[in-house]
PDB file of N, CA and C in Angstrom:
ATOM      1  N   ASP A   1       4.762 -20.355 -13.328  1.00  0.00           N
ATOM      2  CA  ASP A   1       5.764 -19.287 -13.476  1.00  0.00           C
ATOM      3  C   ASP A   1       5.083 -17.917 -13.363  1.00  0.00           C
ATOM      4  N   CYS A   2       3.934 -17.783 -13.949  1.00  0.00           N
ATOM      5  CA  CYS A   2       3.221 -16.494 -13.914  1.00  0.00           C
ATOM      6  C   CYS A   2       2.936 -16.084 -12.472  1.00  0.00           C
ATOM      7  N   THR A   3       2.454 -17.038 -11.681  1.00  0.00           N
ATOM      8  CA  THR A   3       2.123 -16.721 -10.292  1.00  0.00           C
ATOM      9  C   THR A   3       3.377 -16.359  -9.510  1.00  0.00           C
ATOM     10  N   LEU A   4       4.471 -17.089  -9.747  1.00  0.00           N
ATOM     11  CA  LEU A   4       5.716 -16.809  -9.031  1.00  0.00           C
ATOM     12  C   LEU A   4       6.212 -15.406  -9.356  1.00  0.00           C
ATOM     13  N   ASN A   5       6.030 -14.984 -10.592  1.00  0.00           N
ATOM     14  CA  ASN A   5       6.473 -13.649 -10.996  1.00  0.00           C
ATOM     15  C   ASN A   5       5.500 -12.579 -10.515  1.00  0.00           C
ATOM     16  N   PHE A   6       4.254 -12.962 -10.359  1.00  0.00           N
ATOM     17  CA  PHE A   6       3.213 -12.002  -9.997  1.00  0.00           C
ATOM     18  C   PHE A   6       3.232 -11.665  -8.501  1.00  0.00           C
ATOM     19  N   GLU A   7       3.468 -12.658  -7.669  1.00  0.00           N
ATOM     20  CA  GLU A   7       3.427 -12.449  -6.216  1.00  0.00           C
ATOM     21  C   GLU A   7       4.360 -11.348  -5.718  1.00  0.00           C
ATOM     22  N   PRO A   8       5.652 -11.374  -6.075  1.00  0.00           N
ATOM     23  CA  PRO A   8       6.556 -10.315  -5.610  1.00  0.00           C
ATOM     24  C   PRO A   8       6.098  -8.938  -6.067  1.00  0.00           C
ATOM     25  N   LYS A   9       5.629  -8.839  -7.292  1.00  0.00           N
ATOM     26  CA  LYS A   9       5.151  -7.553  -7.811  1.00  0.00           C
ATOM     27  C   LYS A   9       3.950  -7.087  -7.004  1.00  0.00           C
ATOM     28  N   LYS A  10       3.047  -8.015  -6.729  1.00  0.00           N
ATOM     29  CA  LYS A  10       1.839  -7.687  -5.968  1.00  0.00           C
ATOM     30  C   LYS A  10       2.219  -7.157  -4.589  1.00  0.00           C
ATOM     31  N   LYS A  11       3.150  -7.847  -3.927  1.00  0.00           N
ATOM     32  CA  LYS A  11       3.568  -7.431  -2.589  1.00  0.00           C
ATOM     33  C   LYS A  11       4.225  -6.057  -2.649  1.00  0.00           C
ATOM     34  N   GLN A  12       5.093  -5.864  -3.619  1.00  0.00           N
ATOM     35  CA  GLN A  12       5.785  -4.581  -3.745  1.00  0.00           C
ATOM     36  C   GLN A  12       4.786  -3.462  -3.974  1.00  0.00           C
ATOM     37  N   SER A  13       3.812  -3.713  -4.834  1.00  0.00           N
ATOM     38  CA  SER A  13       2.799  -2.697  -5.133  1.00  0.00           C
ATOM     39  C   SER A  13       2.022  -2.355  -3.866  1.00  0.00           C
ATOM     40  N   GLN A  14       1.677  -3.383  -3.107  1.00  0.00           N
ATOM     41  CA  GLN A  14       0.906  -3.167  -1.880  1.00  0.00           C
ATOM     42  C   GLN A  14       1.694  -2.301  -0.907  1.00  0.00           C
ATOM     43  N   GLU A  15       3.001  -2.565  -0.792  1.00  0.00           N
ATOM     44  CA  GLU A  15       3.837  -1.775   0.117  1.00  0.00           C
ATOM     45  C   GLU A  15       3.926  -0.339  -0.371  1.00  0.00           C
ATOM     46  N   ASP A  16       4.068  -0.170  -1.694  1.00  0.00           N
ATOM     47  CA  ASP A  16       4.145   1.184  -2.257  1.00  0.00           C
ATOM     48  C   ASP A  16       2.845   1.936  -1.993  1.00  0.00           C
ATOM     49  N   ILE A  17       1.714   1.245  -2.163  1.00  0.00           N
ATOM     50  CA  ILE A  17       0.410   1.873  -1.941  1.00  0.00           C
ATOM     51  C   ILE A  17       0.279   2.299  -0.484  1.00  0.00           C
ATOM     52  N   MET A  18       0.724   1.437   0.429  1.00  0.00           N
ATOM     53  CA  MET A  18       0.643   1.780   1.850  1.00  0.00           C
ATOM     54  C   MET A  18       1.469   3.022   2.148  1.00  0.00           C
ATOM     55  N   GLN A  19       2.651   3.111   1.522  1.00  0.00           N
ATOM     56  CA  GLN A  19       3.504   4.285   1.721  1.00  0.00           C
ATOM     57  C   GLN A  19       2.803   5.535   1.204  1.00  0.00           C
ATOM     58  N   LEU A  20       2.160   5.417   0.039  1.00  0.00           N
ATOM     59  CA  LEU A  20       1.449   6.558  -0.533  1.00  0.00           C
ATOM     60  C   LEU A  20       0.292   6.977   0.371  1.00  0.00           C
ATOM     61  N   LEU A  21      -0.454   5.988   0.865  1.00  0.00           N
ATOM     62  CA  LEU A  21      -1.586   6.284   1.744  1.00  0.00           C
ATOM     63  C   LEU A  21      -1.104   6.980   3.009  1.00  0.00           C
ATOM     64  N   LYS A  22      -0.005   6.477   3.582  1.00  0.00           N
ATOM     65  CA  LYS A  22       0.540   7.089   4.796  1.00  0.00           C
ATOM     66  C   LYS A  22       0.927   8.532   4.515  1.00  0.00           C
ATOM     67  N   GLY A  23       1.515   8.770   3.341  1.00  0.00           N
ATOM     68  CA  GLY A  23       1.931  10.122   2.978  1.00  0.00           C
ATOM     69  C   GLY A  23       0.728  11.038   2.831  1.00  0.00           C
ATOM     70  N   LEU A  24      -0.328  10.541   2.187  1.00  0.00           N
ATOM     71  CA  LEU A  24      -1.534  11.345   1.997  1.00  0.00           C
ATOM     72  C   LEU A  24      -2.188  11.660   3.335  1.00  0.00           C
ATOM     73  N   VAL A  25      -2.256  10.655   4.194  1.00  0.00           N
ATOM     74  CA  VAL A  25      -2.875  10.843   5.511  1.00  0.00           C
ATOM     75  C   VAL A  25      -2.087  11.866   6.312  1.00  0.00           C
ATOM     76  N   LYS A  26      -0.757  11.775   6.240  1.00  0.00           N
ATOM     77  CA  LYS A  26       0.081  12.733   6.969  1.00  0.00           C
ATOM     78  C   LYS A  26      -0.146  14.131   6.419  1.00  0.00           C
ATOM     79  N   ALA A  27      -0.274  14.237   5.106  1.00  0.00           N
ATOM     80  CA  ALA A  27      -0.480  15.540   4.472  1.00  0.00           C
ATOM     81  C   ALA A  27      -1.804  16.148   4.944  1.00  0.00           C
ATOM     82  N   LYS A  28      -2.792  15.285   5.150  1.00  0.00           N
ATOM     83  CA  LYS A  28      -4.109  15.762   5.601  1.00  0.00           C
ATOM     84  C   LYS A  28      -4.120  15.975   7.111  1.00  0.00           C
ATOM     85  N   GLY A  29      -3.114  15.428   7.790  1.00  0.00           N
ATOM     86  CA  GLY A  29      -3.045  15.579   9.238  1.00  0.00           C
ATOM     87  C   GLY A  29      -4.023  14.670   9.954  1.00  0.00           C
ATOM     88  N   GLY A  30      -4.392  13.583   9.292  1.00  0.00           N
ATOM     89  CA  GLY A  30      -5.336  12.641   9.905  1.00  0.00           C
ATOM     90  C   GLY A  30      -4.622  11.403  10.404  1.00  0.00           C
ATOM     91  N   GLU A  31      -5.393  10.391  10.756  1.00  0.00           N
ATOM     92  CA  GLU A  31      -4.809   9.160  11.255  1.00  0.00           C
ATOM     93  C   GLU A  31      -5.068   8.036  10.269  1.00  0.00           C
ATOM     94  N   ILE A  32      -4.166   7.043  10.282  1.00  0.00           N
ATOM     95  CA  ILE A  32      -4.333   5.894   9.392  1.00  0.00           C
ATOM     96  C   ILE A  32      -5.273   4.891  10.065  1.00  0.00           C
ATOM     97  N   LYS A  33      -6.363   4.574   9.396  1.00  0.00           N
ATOM     98  CA  LYS A  33      -7.304   3.616   9.959  1.00  0.00           C
ATOM     99  C   LYS A  33      -7.243   2.334   9.142  1.00  0.00           C
ATOM    100  N   HIS A  34      -6.779   1.259   9.762  1.00  0.00           N
ATOM    101  CA  HIS A  34      -6.643  -0.015   9.058  1.00  0.00           C
ATOM    102  C   HIS A  34      -8.019  -0.635   8.820  1.00  0.00           C
ATOM    103  N   GLY A  35      -8.163  -1.312   7.681  1.00  0.00           N
ATOM    104  CA  GLY A  35      -9.417  -1.996   7.393  1.00  0.00           C
ATOM    105  C   GLY A  35     -10.377  -1.139   6.596  1.00  0.00           C
ATOM    106  N   SER A  36     -10.037   0.134   6.387  1.00  0.00           N
ATOM    107  CA  SER A  36     -10.923   0.997   5.597  1.00  0.00           C
ATOM    108  C   SER A  36     -10.338   1.204   4.213  1.00  0.00           C
ATOM    109  N   SER A  37     -11.178   1.206   3.198  1.00  0.00           N
ATOM    110  CA  SER A  37     -10.685   1.342   1.835  1.00  0.00           C
ATOM    111  C   SER A  37     -10.434   2.797   1.491  1.00  0.00           C
TER     112      SER A  37
END
């Protein structure tokens, strides 16, 4: 049950983080480079 509840949250968080990163990159006027932390 824990894993079933955790997976959707994990995915949602990852999508939110990607949105934040895209916003920050746009604010800096740079490009999004996949694979870089």
